[in-house]
Amino acid sequence: MRSGTERAAPGSPSDPGPTLSLMAKRPSRIDLLELDIDLRLTDLWREAADVQDWSLDVVAAFMRAAYGKGYCDALTEELPGSLCEDHGYRIPPRRKTAPLRRAA
């Protein structure tokens, strides 16, 4: 433990410099959106922390899992588009679907 007269090394977490004043006053809407998405992907983040040997196949598997999670979340939202709306983004219009063809 340091005494009150010792100073921390410059740039260390306990550096006496004004660290907090360098932070943004308010997070941007993209910061908040990223946080919201990260919270929805908590299970994947936890699993990713355990991966020792990253490869293109492992990254691709996580990308597919994240996409699938987002797709399922979007399908099960109580209010469709609420993630966009909550963060100040425009809700994209639904695509028109082609009429179903009957099998001959």
PDB file of N, CA and C in Angstrom:
ATOM      1  N   MET A   1       0.843  -1.180   0.000  1.00  0.00           N
ATOM      2  CA  MET A   1       0.000   0.000   0.000  1.00  0.00           C
ATOM      3  C   MET A   1       0.885   1.239   0.000  1.00  0.00           C
ATOM      4  N   ARG A   2       0.520   2.238  -0.741  1.00  0.00           N
ATOM      5  CA  ARG A   2       1.319   3.460  -0.820  1.00  0.00           C
ATOM      6  C   ARG A   2       0.936   4.423   0.285  1.00  0.00           C
ATOM      7  N   SER A   3       1.892   5.195   0.683  1.00  0.00           N
ATOM      8  CA  SER A   3       1.574   6.263   1.625  1.00  0.00           C
ATOM      9  C   SER A   3       1.034   7.440   0.845  1.00  0.00           C
ATOM     10  N   GLY A   4       0.485   8.397   1.517  1.00  0.00           N
ATOM     11  CA  GLY A   4      -0.105   9.551   0.861  1.00  0.00           C
ATOM     12  C   GLY A   4       0.886  10.416   0.121  1.00  0.00           C
ATOM     13  N   THR A   5       2.179  10.266   0.399  1.00  0.00           N
ATOM     14  CA  THR A   5       3.174  11.124  -0.251  1.00  0.00           C
ATOM     15  C   THR A   5       3.717  10.532  -1.536  1.00  0.00           C
ATOM     16  N   GLU A   6       3.501   9.226  -1.777  1.00  0.00           N
ATOM     17  CA  GLU A   6       3.990   8.614  -3.003  1.00  0.00           C
ATOM     18  C   GLU A   6       3.049   8.949  -4.149  1.00  0.00           C
ATOM     19  N   ARG A   7       3.629   9.095  -5.325  1.00  0.00           N
ATOM     20  CA  ARG A   7       2.815   9.410  -6.496  1.00  0.00           C
ATOM     21  C   ARG A   7       2.765   8.201  -7.423  1.00  0.00           C
ATOM     22  N   ALA A   8       1.645   8.033  -8.078  1.00  0.00           N
ATOM     23  CA  ALA A   8       1.487   6.934  -9.024  1.00  0.00           C
ATOM     24  C   ALA A   8       2.295   7.212 -10.275  1.00  0.00           C
ATOM     25  N   ALA A   9       2.652   6.159 -10.974  1.00  0.00           N
ATOM     26  CA  ALA A   9       3.362   6.311 -12.238  1.00  0.00           C
ATOM     27  C   ALA A   9       2.447   7.037 -13.222  1.00  0.00           C
ATOM     28  N   PRO A  10       3.001   7.937 -14.040  1.00  0.00           N
ATOM     29  CA  PRO A  10       2.168   8.650 -15.008  1.00  0.00           C
ATOM     30  C   PRO A  10       1.409   7.667 -15.905  1.00  0.00           C
ATOM     31  N   GLY A  11       0.141   7.939 -16.114  1.00  0.00           N
ATOM     32  CA  GLY A  11      -0.686   7.113 -16.971  1.00  0.00           C
ATOM     33  C   GLY A  11      -1.290   5.910 -16.276  1.00  0.00           C
ATOM     34  N   SER A  12      -0.957   5.678 -15.018  1.00  0.00           N
ATOM     35  CA  SER A  12      -1.545   4.538 -14.313  1.00  0.00           C
ATOM     36  C   SER A  12      -2.961   4.897 -13.882  1.00  0.00           C
ATOM     37  N   PRO A  13      -3.789   3.878 -13.554  1.00  0.00           N
ATOM     38  CA  PRO A  13      -5.176   4.155 -13.182  1.00  0.00           C
ATOM     39  C   PRO A  13      -5.323   5.091 -11.991  1.00  0.00           C
ATOM     40  N   SER A  14      -4.316   5.135 -11.133  1.00  0.00           N
ATOM     41  CA  SER A  14      -4.423   6.029  -9.973  1.00  0.00           C
ATOM     42  C   SER A  14      -3.619   7.316 -10.181  1.00  0.00           C
ATOM     43  N   ASP A  15      -3.300   7.614 -11.439  1.00  0.00           N
ATOM     44  CA  ASP A  15      -2.616   8.856 -11.787  1.00  0.00           C
ATOM     45  C   ASP A  15      -3.467  10.033 -11.312  1.00  0.00           C
ATOM     46  N   PRO A  16      -2.877  11.027 -10.662  1.00  0.00           N
ATOM     47  CA  PRO A  16      -3.669  12.130 -10.128  1.00  0.00           C
ATOM     48  C   PRO A  16      -4.255  13.056 -11.189  1.00  0.00           C
ATOM     49  N   GLY A  17      -4.013  12.788 -12.448  1.00  0.00           N
ATOM     50  CA  GLY A  17      -4.519  13.642 -13.516  1.00  0.00           C
ATOM     51  C   GLY A  17      -6.038  13.635 -13.609  1.00  0.00           C
ATOM     52  N   PRO A  18      -6.605  14.585 -14.338  1.00  0.00           N
ATOM     53  CA  PRO A  18      -8.067  14.733 -14.443  1.00  0.00           C
ATOM     54  C   PRO A  18      -8.696  13.748 -15.425  1.00  0.00           C
ATOM     55  N   THR A  19      -8.707  12.485 -15.077  1.00  0.00           N
ATOM     56  CA  THR A  19      -9.213  11.452 -15.983  1.00  0.00           C
ATOM     57  C   THR A  19     -10.675  11.671 -16.335  1.00  0.00           C
ATOM     58  N   LEU A  20     -11.508  11.950 -15.363  1.00  0.00           N
ATOM     59  CA  LEU A  20     -12.937  12.071 -15.614  1.00  0.00           C
ATOM     60  C   LEU A  20     -13.290  13.254 -16.499  1.00  0.00           C
ATOM     61  N   SER A  21     -12.511  14.308 -16.444  1.00  0.00           N
ATOM     62  CA  SER A  21     -12.840  15.472 -17.264  1.00  0.00           C
ATOM     63  C   SER A  21     -12.631  15.191 -18.753  1.00  0.00           C
ATOM     64  N   LEU A  22     -11.878  14.140 -19.100  1.00  0.00           N
ATOM     65  CA  LEU A  22     -11.643  13.812 -20.499  1.00  0.00           C
ATOM     66  C   LEU A  22     -12.791  13.006 -21.096  1.00  0.00           C
ATOM     67  N   MET A  23     -13.638  12.454 -20.248  1.00  0.00           N
ATOM     68  CA  MET A  23     -14.759  11.653 -20.732  1.00  0.00           C
ATOM     69  C   MET A  23     -15.850  12.565 -21.284  1.00  0.00           C
ATOM     70  N   ALA A  24     -16.607  12.031 -22.224  1.00  0.00           N
ATOM     71  CA  ALA A  24     -17.721  12.794 -22.787  1.00  0.00           C
ATOM     72  C   ALA A  24     -18.749  13.068 -21.692  1.00  0.00           C
ATOM     73  N   LYS A  25     -19.403  14.205 -21.783  1.00  0.00           N
ATOM     74  CA  LYS A  25     -20.424  14.561 -20.785  1.00  0.00           C
ATOM     75  C   LYS A  25     -21.581  13.578 -20.828  1.00  0.00           C
ATOM     76  N   ARG A  26     -21.995  13.211 -22.026  1.00  0.00           N
ATOM     77  CA  ARG A  26     -23.087  12.256 -22.199  1.00  0.00           C
ATOM     78  C   ARG A  26     -22.673  11.268 -23.272  1.00  0.00           C
ATOM     79  N   PRO A  27     -23.010  10.000 -23.085  1.00  0.00           N
ATOM     80  CA  PRO A  27     -22.696   9.049 -24.152  1.00  0.00           C
ATOM     81  C   PRO A  27     -23.524   9.366 -25.392  1.00  0.00           C
ATOM     82  N   SER A  28     -22.962   9.099 -26.545  1.00  0.00           N
ATOM     83  CA  SER A  28     -23.686   9.328 -27.797  1.00  0.00           C
ATOM     84  C   SER A  28     -24.756   8.260 -27.956  1.00  0.00           C
ATOM     85  N   ARG A  29     -25.651   8.466 -28.890  1.00  0.00           N
ATOM     86  CA  ARG A  29     -26.698   7.474 -29.093  1.00  0.00           C
ATOM     87  C   ARG A  29     -26.117   6.171 -29.633  1.00  0.00           C
ATOM     88  N   ILE A  30     -25.009   6.247 -30.380  1.00  0.00           N
ATOM     89  CA  ILE A  30     -24.376   5.010 -30.851  1.00  0.00           C
ATOM     90  C   ILE A  30     -23.742   4.274 -29.672  1.00  0.00           C
ATOM     91  N   ASP A  31     -23.170   5.013 -28.707  1.00  0.00           N
ATOM     92  CA  ASP A  31     -22.631   4.378 -27.498  1.00  0.00           C
ATOM     93  C   ASP A  31     -23.732   3.622 -26.754  1.00  0.00           C
ATOM     94  N   LEU A  32     -24.883   4.247 -26.623  1.00  0.00           N
ATOM     95  CA  LEU A  32     -26.001   3.620 -25.911  1.00  0.00           C
ATOM     96  C   LEU A  32     -26.556   2.421 -26.679  1.00  0.00           C
ATOM     97  N   LEU A  33     -26.601   2.529 -28.001  1.00  0.00           N
ATOM     98  CA  LEU A  33     -27.051   1.408 -28.819  1.00  0.00           C
ATOM     99  C   LEU A  33     -26.088   0.230 -28.682  1.00  0.00           C
ATOM    100  N   GLU A  34     -24.777   0.521 -28.742  1.00  0.00           N
ATOM    101  CA  GLU A  34     -23.776  -0.535 -28.573  1.00  0.00           C
ATOM    102  C   GLU A  34     -23.922  -1.222 -27.221  1.00  0.00           C
ATOM    103  N   LEU A  35     -24.142  -0.444 -26.179  1.00  0.00           N
ATOM    104  CA  LEU A  35     -24.319  -1.014 -24.848  1.00  0.00           C
ATOM    105  C   LEU A  35     -25.558  -1.899 -24.799  1.00  0.00           C
ATOM    106  N   ASP A  36     -26.647  -1.435 -25.376  1.00  0.00           N
ATOM    107  CA  ASP A  36     -27.885  -2.217 -25.387  1.00  0.00           C
ATOM    108  C   ASP A  36     -27.678  -3.541 -26.125  1.00  0.00           C
ATOM    109  N   ILE A  37     -26.997  -3.494 -27.253  1.00  0.00           N
ATOM    110  CA  ILE A  37     -26.732  -4.716 -28.014  1.00  0.00           C
ATOM    111  C   ILE A  37     -25.800  -5.640 -27.244  1.00  0.00           C
ATOM    112  N   ASP A  38     -24.744  -5.076 -26.630  1.00  0.00           N
ATOM    113  CA  ASP A  38     -23.831  -5.899 -25.830  1.00  0.00           C
ATOM    114  C   ASP A  38     -24.569  -6.603 -24.696  1.00  0.00           C
ATOM    115  N   LEU A  39     -25.518  -5.919 -24.078  1.00  0.00           N
ATOM    116  CA  LEU A  39     -26.289  -6.545 -23.003  1.00  0.00           C
ATOM    117  C   LEU A  39     -27.134  -7.704 -23.532  1.00  0.00           C
ATOM    118  N   ARG A  40     -27.656  -7.548 -24.743  1.00  0.00           N
ATOM    119  CA  ARG A  40     -28.447  -8.629 -25.346  1.00  0.00           C
ATOM    120  C   ARG A  40     -27.567  -9.821 -25.723  1.00  0.00           C
ATOM    121  N   LEU A  41     -26.277  -9.569 -25.915  1.00  0.00           N
ATOM    122  CA  LEU A  41     -25.349 -10.625 -26.326  1.00  0.00           C
ATOM    123  C   LEU A  41     -24.480 -11.129 -25.170  1.00  0.00           C
ATOM    124  N   THR A  42     -24.919 -10.903 -23.944  1.00  0.00           N
ATOM    125  CA  THR A  42     -24.118 -11.272 -22.773  1.00  0.00           C
ATOM    126  C   THR A  42     -23.655 -12.723 -22.820  1.00  0.00           C
ATOM    127  N   ASP A  43     -24.549 -13.639 -23.162  1.00  0.00           N
ATOM    128  CA  ASP A  43     -24.174 -15.059 -23.200  1.00  0.00           C
ATOM    129  C   ASP A  43     -23.073 -15.321 -24.219  1.00  0.00           C
ATOM    130  N   LEU A  44     -23.161 -14.663 -25.379  1.00  0.00           N
ATOM    131  CA  LEU A  44     -22.111 -14.845 -26.385  1.00  0.00           C
ATOM    132  C   LEU A  44     -20.789 -14.244 -25.936  1.00  0.00           C
ATOM    133  N   TRP A  45     -20.835 -13.067 -25.287  1.00  0.00           N
ATOM    134  CA  TRP A  45     -19.607 -12.452 -24.776  1.00  0.00           C
ATOM    135  C   TRP A  45     -18.951 -13.360 -23.748  1.00  0.00           C
ATOM    136  N   ARG A  46     -19.770 -13.963 -22.875  1.00  0.00           N
ATOM    137  CA  ARG A  46     -19.242 -14.859 -21.848  1.00  0.00           C
ATOM    138  C   ARG A  46     -18.564 -16.063 -22.501  1.00  0.00           C
ATOM    139  N   GLU A  47     -19.211 -16.613 -23.508  1.00  0.00           N
ATOM    140  CA  GLU A  47     -18.632 -17.759 -24.208  1.00  0.00           C
ATOM    141  C   GLU A  47     -17.364 -17.362 -24.961  1.00  0.00           C
ATOM    142  N   ALA A  48     -17.358 -16.193 -25.561  1.00  0.00           N
ATOM    143  CA  ALA A  48     -16.186 -15.723 -26.309  1.00  0.00           C
ATOM    144  C   ALA A  48     -14.971 -15.558 -25.396  1.00  0.00           C
ATOM    145  N   ALA A  49     -15.216 -15.172 -24.149  1.00  0.00           N
ATOM    146  CA  ALA A  49     -14.103 -14.984 -23.208  1.00  0.00           C
ATOM    147  C   ALA A  49     -13.385 -16.297 -22.924  1.00  0.00           C
ATOM    148  N   ASP A  50     -14.077 -17.416 -23.105  1.00  0.00           N
ATOM    149  CA  ASP A  50     -13.477 -18.728 -22.838  1.00  0.00           C
ATOM    150  C   ASP A  50     -12.727 -19.312 -24.028  1.00  0.00           C
ATOM    151  N   VAL A  51     -12.857 -18.702 -25.196  1.00  0.00           N
ATOM    152  CA  VAL A  51     -12.197 -19.231 -26.396  1.00  0.00           C
ATOM    153  C   VAL A  51     -10.698 -18.958 -26.307  1.00  0.00           C
ATOM    154  N   GLN A  52      -9.916 -20.011 -26.460  1.00  0.00           N
ATOM    155  CA  GLN A  52      -8.460 -19.880 -26.417  1.00  0.00           C
ATOM    156  C   GLN A  52      -7.852 -19.738 -27.814  1.00  0.00           C
ATOM    157  N   ASP A  53      -8.363 -20.515 -28.742  1.00  0.00           N
ATOM    158  CA  ASP A  53      -7.801 -20.539 -30.097  1.00  0.00           C
ATOM    159  C   ASP A  53      -8.796 -19.955 -31.090  1.00  0.00           C
ATOM    160  N   TRP A  54      -8.644 -18.660 -31.386  1.00  0.00           N
ATOM    161  CA  TRP A  54      -9.528 -18.013 -32.334  1.00  0.00           C
ATOM    162  C   TRP A  54      -9.078 -18.352 -33.744  1.00  0.00           C
ATOM    163  N   SER A  55     -10.036 -18.607 -34.587  1.00  0.00           N
ATOM    164  CA  SER A  55      -9.775 -18.866 -36.002  1.00  0.00           C
ATOM    165  C   SER A  55     -10.913 -18.234 -36.788  1.00  0.00           C
ATOM    166  N   LEU A  56     -10.784 -18.227 -38.085  1.00  0.00           N
ATOM    167  CA  LEU A  56     -11.841 -17.671 -38.925  1.00  0.00           C
ATOM    168  C   LEU A  56     -13.142 -18.447 -38.726  1.00  0.00           C
ATOM    169  N   ASP A  57     -13.044 -19.760 -38.557  1.00  0.00           N
ATOM    170  CA  ASP A  57     -14.241 -20.569 -38.331  1.00  0.00           C
ATOM    171  C   ASP A  57     -14.933 -20.198 -37.021  1.00  0.00           C
ATOM    172  N   VAL A  58     -14.164 -19.947 -35.977  1.00  0.00           N
ATOM    173  CA  VAL A  58     -14.751 -19.586 -34.677  1.00  0.00           C
ATOM    174  C   VAL A  58     -15.398 -18.208 -34.769  1.00  0.00           C
ATOM    175  N   VAL A  59     -14.714 -17.260 -35.406  1.00  0.00           N
ATOM    176  CA  VAL A  59     -15.279 -15.918 -35.577  1.00  0.00           C
ATOM    177  C   VAL A  59     -16.569 -15.993 -36.382  1.00  0.00           C
ATOM    178  N   ALA A  60     -16.559 -16.781 -37.454  1.00  0.00           N
ATOM    179  CA  ALA A  60     -17.759 -16.929 -38.292  1.00  0.00           C
ATOM    180  C   ALA A  60     -18.909 -17.526 -37.484  1.00  0.00           C
ATOM    181  N   ALA A  61     -18.610 -18.497 -36.634  1.00  0.00           N
ATOM    182  CA  ALA A  61     -19.654 -19.100 -35.800  1.00  0.00           C
ATOM    183  C   ALA A  61     -20.260 -18.067 -34.851  1.00  0.00           C
ATOM    184  N   PHE A  62     -19.427 -17.221 -34.258  1.00  0.00           N
ATOM    185  CA  PHE A  62     -19.940 -16.182 -33.358  1.00  0.00           C
ATOM    186  C   PHE A  62     -20.740 -15.139 -34.126  1.00  0.00           C
ATOM    187  N   MET A  63     -20.311 -14.802 -35.332  1.00  0.00           N
ATOM    188  CA  MET A  63     -21.067 -13.844 -36.139  1.00  0.00           C
ATOM    189  C   MET A  63     -22.442 -14.401 -36.481  1.00  0.00           C
ATOM    190  N   ARG A  64     -22.492 -15.680 -36.855  1.00  0.00           N
ATOM    191  CA  ARG A  64     -23.782 -16.300 -37.159  1.00  0.00           C
ATOM    192  C   ARG A  64     -24.667 -16.356 -35.921  1.00  0.00           C
ATOM    193  N   ALA A  65     -24.073 -16.687 -34.780  1.00  0.00           N
ATOM    194  CA  ALA A  65     -24.844 -16.754 -33.532  1.00  0.00           C
ATOM    195  C   ALA A  65     -25.397 -15.378 -33.162  1.00  0.00           C
ATOM    196  N   ALA A  66     -24.589 -14.328 -33.311  1.00  0.00           N
ATOM    197  CA  ALA A  66     -25.047 -12.971 -32.991  1.00  0.00           C
ATOM    198  C   ALA A  66     -26.154 -12.537 -33.942  1.00  0.00           C
ATOM    199  N   TYR A  67     -26.003 -12.849 -35.223  1.00  0.00           N
ATOM    200  CA  TYR A  67     -27.037 -12.511 -36.199  1.00  0.00           C
ATOM    201  C   TYR A  67     -28.336 -13.240 -35.856  1.00  0.00           C
ATOM    202  N   GLY A  68     -28.226 -14.529 -35.578  1.00  0.00           N
ATOM    203  CA  GLY A  68     -29.407 -15.318 -35.227  1.00  0.00           C
ATOM    204  C   GLY A  68     -30.082 -14.808 -33.970  1.00  0.00           C
ATOM    205  N   LYS A  69     -29.293 -14.425 -32.979  1.00  0.00           N
ATOM    206  CA  LYS A  69     -29.844 -13.882 -31.731  1.00  0.00           C
ATOM    207  C   LYS A  69     -30.599 -12.592 -32.034  1.00  0.00           C
ATOM    208  N   GLY A  70     -30.011 -11.715 -32.824  1.00  0.00           N
ATOM    209  CA  GLY A  70     -30.679 -10.465 -33.187  1.00  0.00           C
ATOM    210  C   GLY A  70     -31.958 -10.703 -33.973  1.00  0.00           C
ATOM    211  N   TYR A  71     -31.921 -11.659 -34.867  1.00  0.00           N
ATOM    212  CA  TYR A  71     -33.099 -11.990 -35.673  1.00  0.00           C
ATOM    213  C   TYR A  71     -34.226 -12.485 -34.768  1.00  0.00           C
ATOM    214  N   CYS A  72     -33.897 -13.398 -33.855  1.00  0.00           N
ATOM    215  CA  CYS A  72     -34.914 -13.919 -32.929  1.00  0.00           C
ATOM    216  C   CYS A  72     -35.437 -12.820 -32.006  1.00  0.00           C
ATOM    217  N   ASP A  73     -34.532 -11.957 -31.524  1.00  0.00           N
ATOM    218  CA  ASP A  73     -34.967 -10.839 -30.683  1.00  0.00           C
ATOM    219  C   ASP A  73     -35.952  -9.946 -31.432  1.00  0.00           C
ATOM    220  N   ALA A  74     -35.647  -9.661 -32.698  1.00  0.00           N
ATOM    221  CA  ALA A  74     -36.522  -8.794 -33.487  1.00  0.00           C
ATOM    222  C   ALA A  74     -37.895  -9.430 -33.689  1.00  0.00           C
ATOM    223  N   LEU A  75     -37.922 -10.741 -33.882  1.00  0.00           N
ATOM    224  CA  LEU A  75     -39.199 -11.429 -34.093  1.00  0.00           C
ATOM    225  C   LEU A  75     -40.048 -11.478 -32.828  1.00  0.00           C
ATOM    226  N   THR A  76     -39.398 -11.424 -31.679  1.00  0.00           N
ATOM    227  CA  THR A  76     -40.140 -11.595 -30.419  1.00  0.00           C
ATOM    228  C   THR A  76     -40.302 -10.301 -29.629  1.00  0.00           C
ATOM    229  N   GLU A  77     -39.888  -9.158 -30.189  1.00  0.00           N
ATOM    230  CA  GLU A  77     -40.078  -7.879 -29.505  1.00  0.00           C
ATOM    231  C   GLU A  77     -41.563  -7.629 -29.265  1.00  0.00           C
ATOM    232  N   GLU A  78     -41.886  -7.127 -28.088  1.00  0.00           N
ATOM    233  CA  GLU A  78     -43.283  -6.779 -27.814  1.00  0.00           C
ATOM    234  C   GLU A  78     -43.752  -5.664 -28.742  1.00  0.00           C
ATOM    235  N   LEU A  79     -42.883  -4.692 -28.950  1.00  0.00           N
ATOM    236  CA  LEU A  79     -43.179  -3.585 -29.864  1.00  0.00           C
ATOM    237  C   LEU A  79     -42.144  -3.608 -30.982  1.00  0.00           C
ATOM    238  N   PRO A  80     -42.494  -4.154 -32.149  1.00  0.00           N
ATOM    239  CA  PRO A  80     -41.518  -4.216 -33.235  1.00  0.00           C
ATOM    240  C   PRO A  80     -40.916  -2.845 -33.543  1.00  0.00           C
ATOM    241  N   GLY A  81     -39.592  -2.824 -33.647  1.00  0.00           N
ATOM    242  CA  GLY A  81     -38.888  -1.575 -33.932  1.00  0.00           C
ATOM    243  C   GLY A  81     -38.483  -0.804 -32.695  1.00  0.00           C
ATOM    244  N   SER A  82     -38.768  -1.337 -31.509  1.00  0.00           N
ATOM    245  CA  SER A  82     -38.491  -0.573 -30.288  1.00  0.00           C
ATOM    246  C   SER A  82     -37.000  -0.328 -30.065  1.00  0.00           C
ATOM    247  N   LEU A  83     -36.131  -1.255 -30.490  1.00  0.00           N
ATOM    248  CA  LEU A  83     -34.690  -1.020 -30.325  1.00  0.00           C
ATOM    249  C   LEU A  83     -34.274   0.223 -31.104  1.00  0.00           C
ATOM    250  N   CYS A  84     -34.727   0.339 -32.340  1.00  0.00           N
ATOM    251  CA  CYS A  84     -34.426   1.529 -33.149  1.00  0.00           C
ATOM    252  C   CYS A  84     -35.031   2.778 -32.504  1.00  0.00           C
ATOM    253  N   GLU A  85     -36.292   2.688 -32.164  1.00  0.00           N
ATOM    254  CA  GLU A  85     -37.001   3.843 -31.611  1.00  0.00           C
ATOM    255  C   GLU A  85     -36.395   4.311 -30.287  1.00  0.00           C
ATOM    256  N   ASP A  86     -36.039   3.372 -29.423  1.00  0.00           N
ATOM    257  CA  ASP A  86     -35.460   3.711 -28.120  1.00  0.00           C
ATOM    258  C   ASP A  86     -34.160   4.485 -28.245  1.00  0.00           C
ATOM    259  N   HIS A  87     -33.461   4.300 -29.358  1.00  0.00           N
ATOM    260  CA  HIS A  87     -32.156   4.950 -29.530  1.00  0.00           C
ATOM    261  C   HIS A  87     -32.189   6.069 -30.568  1.00  0.00           C
ATOM    262  N   GLY A  88     -33.380   6.474 -30.961  1.00  0.00           N
ATOM    263  CA  GLY A  88     -33.505   7.626 -31.848  1.00  0.00           C
ATOM    264  C   GLY A  88     -33.247   7.336 -33.310  1.00  0.00           C
ATOM    265  N   TYR A  89     -33.346   6.077 -33.702  1.00  0.00           N
ATOM    266  CA  TYR A  89     -33.153   5.729 -35.101  1.00  0.00           C
ATOM    267  C   TYR A  89     -34.500   5.492 -35.768  1.00  0.00           C
ATOM    268  N   ARG A  90     -34.538   5.755 -37.050  1.00  0.00           N
ATOM    269  CA  ARG A  90     -35.751   5.545 -37.834  1.00  0.00           C
ATOM    270  C   ARG A  90     -36.020   4.053 -37.930  1.00  0.00           C
ATOM    271  N   ILE A  91     -37.277   3.684 -37.808  1.00  0.00           N
ATOM    272  CA  ILE A  91     -37.668   2.285 -37.958  1.00  0.00           C
ATOM    273  C   ILE A  91     -37.784   2.008 -39.449  1.00  0.00           C
ATOM    274  N   PRO A  92     -36.978   1.074 -39.960  1.00  0.00           N
ATOM    275  CA  PRO A  92     -37.033   0.806 -41.397  1.00  0.00           C
ATOM    276  C   PRO A  92     -38.397   0.255 -41.801  1.00  0.00           C
ATOM    277  N   PRO A  93     -38.868   0.627 -42.987  1.00  0.00           N
ATOM    278  CA  PRO A  93     -40.163   0.093 -43.442  1.00  0.00           C
ATOM    279  C   PRO A  93     -40.048  -1.396 -43.745  1.00  0.00           C
ATOM    280  N   ARG A  94     -41.150  -2.097 -43.612  1.00  0.00           N
ATOM    281  CA  ARG A  94     -41.180  -3.525 -43.941  1.00  0.00           C
ATOM    282  C   ARG A  94     -41.068  -3.684 -45.448  1.00  0.00           C
ATOM    283  N   ARG A  95     -40.368  -4.698 -45.860  1.00  0.00           N
ATOM    284  CA  ARG A  95     -40.275  -4.991 -47.291  1.00  0.00           C
ATOM    285  C   ARG A  95     -41.563  -5.636 -47.750  1.00  0.00           C
ATOM    286  N   LYS A  96     -41.947  -5.307 -48.958  1.00  0.00           N
ATOM    287  CA  LYS A  96     -43.137  -5.959 -49.514  1.00  0.00           C
ATOM    288  C   LYS A  96     -42.736  -7.360 -49.934  1.00  0.00           C
ATOM    289  N   THR A  97     -43.547  -8.311 -49.605  1.00  0.00           N
ATOM    290  CA  THR A  97     -43.246  -9.698 -49.962  1.00  0.00           C
ATOM    291  C   THR A  97     -43.912 -10.044 -51.281  1.00  0.00           C
ATOM    292  N   ALA A  98     -43.270 -10.898 -52.008  1.00  0.00           N
ATOM    293  CA  ALA A  98     -43.840 -11.369 -53.283  1.00  0.00           C
ATOM    294  C   ALA A  98     -45.002 -12.312 -52.969  1.00  0.00           C
ATOM    295  N   PRO A  99     -46.032 -12.297 -53.793  1.00  0.00           N
ATOM    296  CA  PRO A  99     -47.143 -13.227 -53.544  1.00  0.00           C
ATOM    297  C   PRO A  99     -46.665 -14.664 -53.632  1.00  0.00           C
ATOM    298  N   LEU A 100     -47.222 -15.511 -52.807  1.00  0.00           N
ATOM    299  CA  LEU A 100     -46.849 -16.925 -52.814  1.00  0.00           C
ATOM    300  C   LEU A 100     -47.385 -17.602 -54.058  1.00  0.00           C
ATOM    301  N   ARG A 101     -46.554 -18.441 -54.643  1.00  0.00           N
ATOM    302  CA  ARG A 101     -46.984 -19.195 -55.817  1.00  0.00           C
ATOM    303  C   ARG A 101     -47.537 -20.543 -55.354  1.00  0.00           C
ATOM    304  N   ARG A 102     -48.567 -20.955 -55.990  1.00  0.00           N
ATOM    305  CA  ARG A 102     -49.133 -22.276 -55.675  1.00  0.00           C
ATOM    306  C   ARG A 102     -48.361 -23.338 -56.459  1.00  0.00           C
ATOM    307  N   ALA A 103     -48.133 -24.437 -55.775  1.00  0.00           N
ATOM    308  CA  ALA A 103     -47.447 -25.549 -56.445  1.00  0.00           C
ATOM    309  C   ALA A 103     -48.352 -26.126 -57.522  1.00  0.00           C
ATOM    310  N   ALA A 104     -47.770 -26.464 -58.655  1.00  0.00           N
ATOM    311  CA  ALA A 104     -48.547 -27.001 -59.772  1.00  0.00           C
ATOM    312  C   ALA A 104     -48.765 -28.480 -59.633  1.00  0.00           C
TER     313      ALA A 104
END
